[in-house]
Amino acid sequence: MVCHMGSVTISVRIPRELKEKIDRYGVKISEVVRKALEEEVRRRELEEAAEAAEELGKIFSRIPDDEIVRIIKEYRGAR
């Protein structure tokens, strides 16, 4: 179950022919648009996360392995 804290209305201009087909096939516009937008946002979030991970990889590659091992052991000992 999704809880919506609020919503907004968006509009889009489409060709008349497409609207006629939407009506003919009984396409539920709001469901289709909502799902498509959610999928696009999810795709972009994953893309952004992958870019951030790549940047972190570059940063960590500059840290010597023995330093990383030391930090991990230190962290585990502090828990």
C-alpha atoms as a PDB file:
ATOM      1  CA  MET A   1       0.000   0.000   0.000  1.00  0.00           C
ATOM      2  CA  VAL A   2       1.385   3.387  -0.954  1.00  0.00           C
ATOM      3  CA  CYS A   3       0.602   6.407   1.176  1.00  0.00           C
ATOM      4  CA  HIS A   4       0.513   9.673  -0.746  1.00  0.00           C
ATOM      5  CA  MET A   5       1.318  12.798   1.248  1.00  0.00           C
ATOM      6  CA  GLY A   6      -0.122  14.900  -1.539  1.00  0.00           C
ATOM      7  CA  SER A   7      -0.333  14.901  -5.240  1.00  0.00           C
ATOM      8  CA  VAL A   8      -0.016  17.233  -8.167  1.00  0.00           C
ATOM      9  CA  THR A   9      -1.622  17.281 -11.566  1.00  0.00           C
ATOM     10  CA  ILE A  10       0.438  17.244 -14.734  1.00  0.00           C
ATOM     11  CA  SER A  11      -0.743  17.665 -18.288  1.00  0.00           C
ATOM     12  CA  VAL A  12       0.688  16.578 -21.573  1.00  0.00           C
ATOM     13  CA  ARG A  13      -0.267  17.373 -25.146  1.00  0.00           C
ATOM     14  CA  ILE A  14      -0.637  14.311 -27.372  1.00  0.00           C
ATOM     15  CA  PRO A  15      -1.783  13.810 -30.957  1.00  0.00           C
ATOM     16  CA  ARG A  16      -5.554  13.434 -31.360  1.00  0.00           C
ATOM     17  CA  GLU A  17      -5.047  10.048 -33.047  1.00  0.00           C
ATOM     18  CA  LEU A  18      -3.261   8.735 -29.961  1.00  0.00           C
ATOM     19  CA  LYS A  19      -6.066   9.975 -27.693  1.00  0.00           C
ATOM     20  CA  GLU A  20      -8.615   8.200 -29.889  1.00  0.00           C
ATOM     21  CA  LYS A  21      -6.650   4.952 -29.561  1.00  0.00           C
ATOM     22  CA  ILE A  22      -6.361   5.432 -25.793  1.00  0.00           C
ATOM     23  CA  ASP A  23     -10.143   5.764 -25.623  1.00  0.00           C
ATOM     24  CA  ARG A  24     -10.714   2.822 -27.983  1.00  0.00           C
ATOM     25  CA  TYR A  25      -8.546   0.471 -25.893  1.00  0.00           C
ATOM     26  CA  GLY A  26      -9.675   1.794 -22.521  1.00  0.00           C
ATOM     27  CA  VAL A  27      -6.142   2.712 -21.443  1.00  0.00           C
ATOM     28  CA  LYS A  28      -6.086   4.103 -17.921  1.00  0.00           C
ATOM     29  CA  ILE A  29      -3.882   7.112 -18.558  1.00  0.00           C
ATOM     30  CA  SER A  30      -3.068   7.961 -14.945  1.00  0.00           C
ATOM     31  CA  GLU A  31      -1.959   4.399 -14.169  1.00  0.00           C
ATOM     32  CA  VAL A  32       0.213   4.149 -17.275  1.00  0.00           C
ATOM     33  CA  VAL A  33       1.805   7.571 -16.773  1.00  0.00           C
ATOM     34  CA  ARG A  34       2.391   7.018 -13.058  1.00  0.00           C
ATOM     35  CA  LYS A  35       4.047   3.644 -13.687  1.00  0.00           C
ATOM     36  CA  ALA A  36       6.189   5.004 -16.534  1.00  0.00           C
ATOM     37  CA  LEU A  37       7.334   7.968 -14.430  1.00  0.00           C
ATOM     38  CA  GLU A  38       8.116   5.749 -11.435  1.00  0.00           C
ATOM     39  CA  GLU A  39      10.178   3.426 -13.652  1.00  0.00           C
ATOM     40  CA  GLU A  40      12.063   6.344 -15.205  1.00  0.00           C
ATOM     41  CA  VAL A  41      12.832   7.852 -11.793  1.00  0.00           C
ATOM     42  CA  ARG A  42      13.986   4.437 -10.516  1.00  0.00           C
ATOM     43  CA  ARG A  43      16.238   4.036 -13.575  1.00  0.00           C
ATOM     44  CA  ARG A  44      17.785   7.456 -13.027  1.00  0.00           C
ATOM     45  CA  GLU A  45      18.282   6.806  -9.305  1.00  0.00           C
ATOM     46  CA  LEU A  46      20.126   3.581 -10.126  1.00  0.00           C
ATOM     47  CA  GLU A  47      22.198   5.424 -12.722  1.00  0.00           C
ATOM     48  CA  GLU A  48      23.063   8.106 -10.150  1.00  0.00           C
ATOM     49  CA  ALA A  49      23.982   5.444  -7.567  1.00  0.00           C
ATOM     50  CA  ALA A  50      26.213   3.675 -10.093  1.00  0.00           C
ATOM     51  CA  GLU A  51      28.010   6.936 -10.857  1.00  0.00           C
ATOM     52  CA  ALA A  52      28.488   7.605  -7.136  1.00  0.00           C
ATOM     53  CA  ALA A  53      29.830   4.073  -6.632  1.00  0.00           C
ATOM     54  CA  GLU A  54      32.266   4.599  -9.496  1.00  0.00           C
ATOM     55  CA  GLU A  55      33.496   7.827  -7.904  1.00  0.00           C
ATOM     56  CA  LEU A  56      33.894   6.105  -4.542  1.00  0.00           C
ATOM     57  CA  GLY A  57      35.822   3.328  -6.260  1.00  0.00           C
ATOM     58  CA  LYS A  58      38.232   5.907  -7.660  1.00  0.00           C
ATOM     59  CA  ILE A  59      38.696   7.428  -4.208  1.00  0.00           C
ATOM     60  CA  PHE A  60      39.204   4.058  -2.500  1.00  0.00           C
ATOM     61  CA  SER A  61      41.648   2.925  -5.185  1.00  0.00           C
ATOM     62  CA  ARG A  62      44.025   5.653  -3.989  1.00  0.00           C
ATOM     63  CA  ILE A  63      44.029   4.271  -0.427  1.00  0.00           C
ATOM     64  CA  PRO A  64      46.618   1.519   0.142  1.00  0.00           C
ATOM     65  CA  ASP A  65      45.121  -1.932   0.841  1.00  0.00           C
ATOM     66  CA  ASP A  66      46.868  -2.238   4.209  1.00  0.00           C
ATOM     67  CA  GLU A  67      45.308   1.057   5.303  1.00  0.00           C
ATOM     68  CA  ILE A  68      41.836  -0.184   4.381  1.00  0.00           C
ATOM     69  CA  VAL A  69      42.437  -3.425   6.312  1.00  0.00           C
ATOM     70  CA  ARG A  70      43.606  -1.416   9.339  1.00  0.00           C
ATOM     71  CA  ILE A  71      40.526   0.823   9.248  1.00  0.00           C
ATOM     72  CA  ILE A  72      38.169  -2.152   8.971  1.00  0.00           C
ATOM     73  CA  LYS A  73      39.827  -3.928  11.896  1.00  0.00           C
ATOM     74  CA  GLU A  74      39.713  -0.735  13.937  1.00  0.00           C
ATOM     75  CA  TYR A  75      36.008  -0.288  13.147  1.00  0.00           C
ATOM     76  CA  ARG A  76      35.183  -3.903  14.075  1.00  0.00           C
ATOM     77  CA  GLY A  77      37.068  -3.544  17.347  1.00  0.00           C
ATOM     78  CA  ALA A  78      35.091  -0.419  18.262  1.00  0.00           C
ATOM     79  CA  ARG A  79      31.723  -2.230  18.089  1.00  0.00           C
END
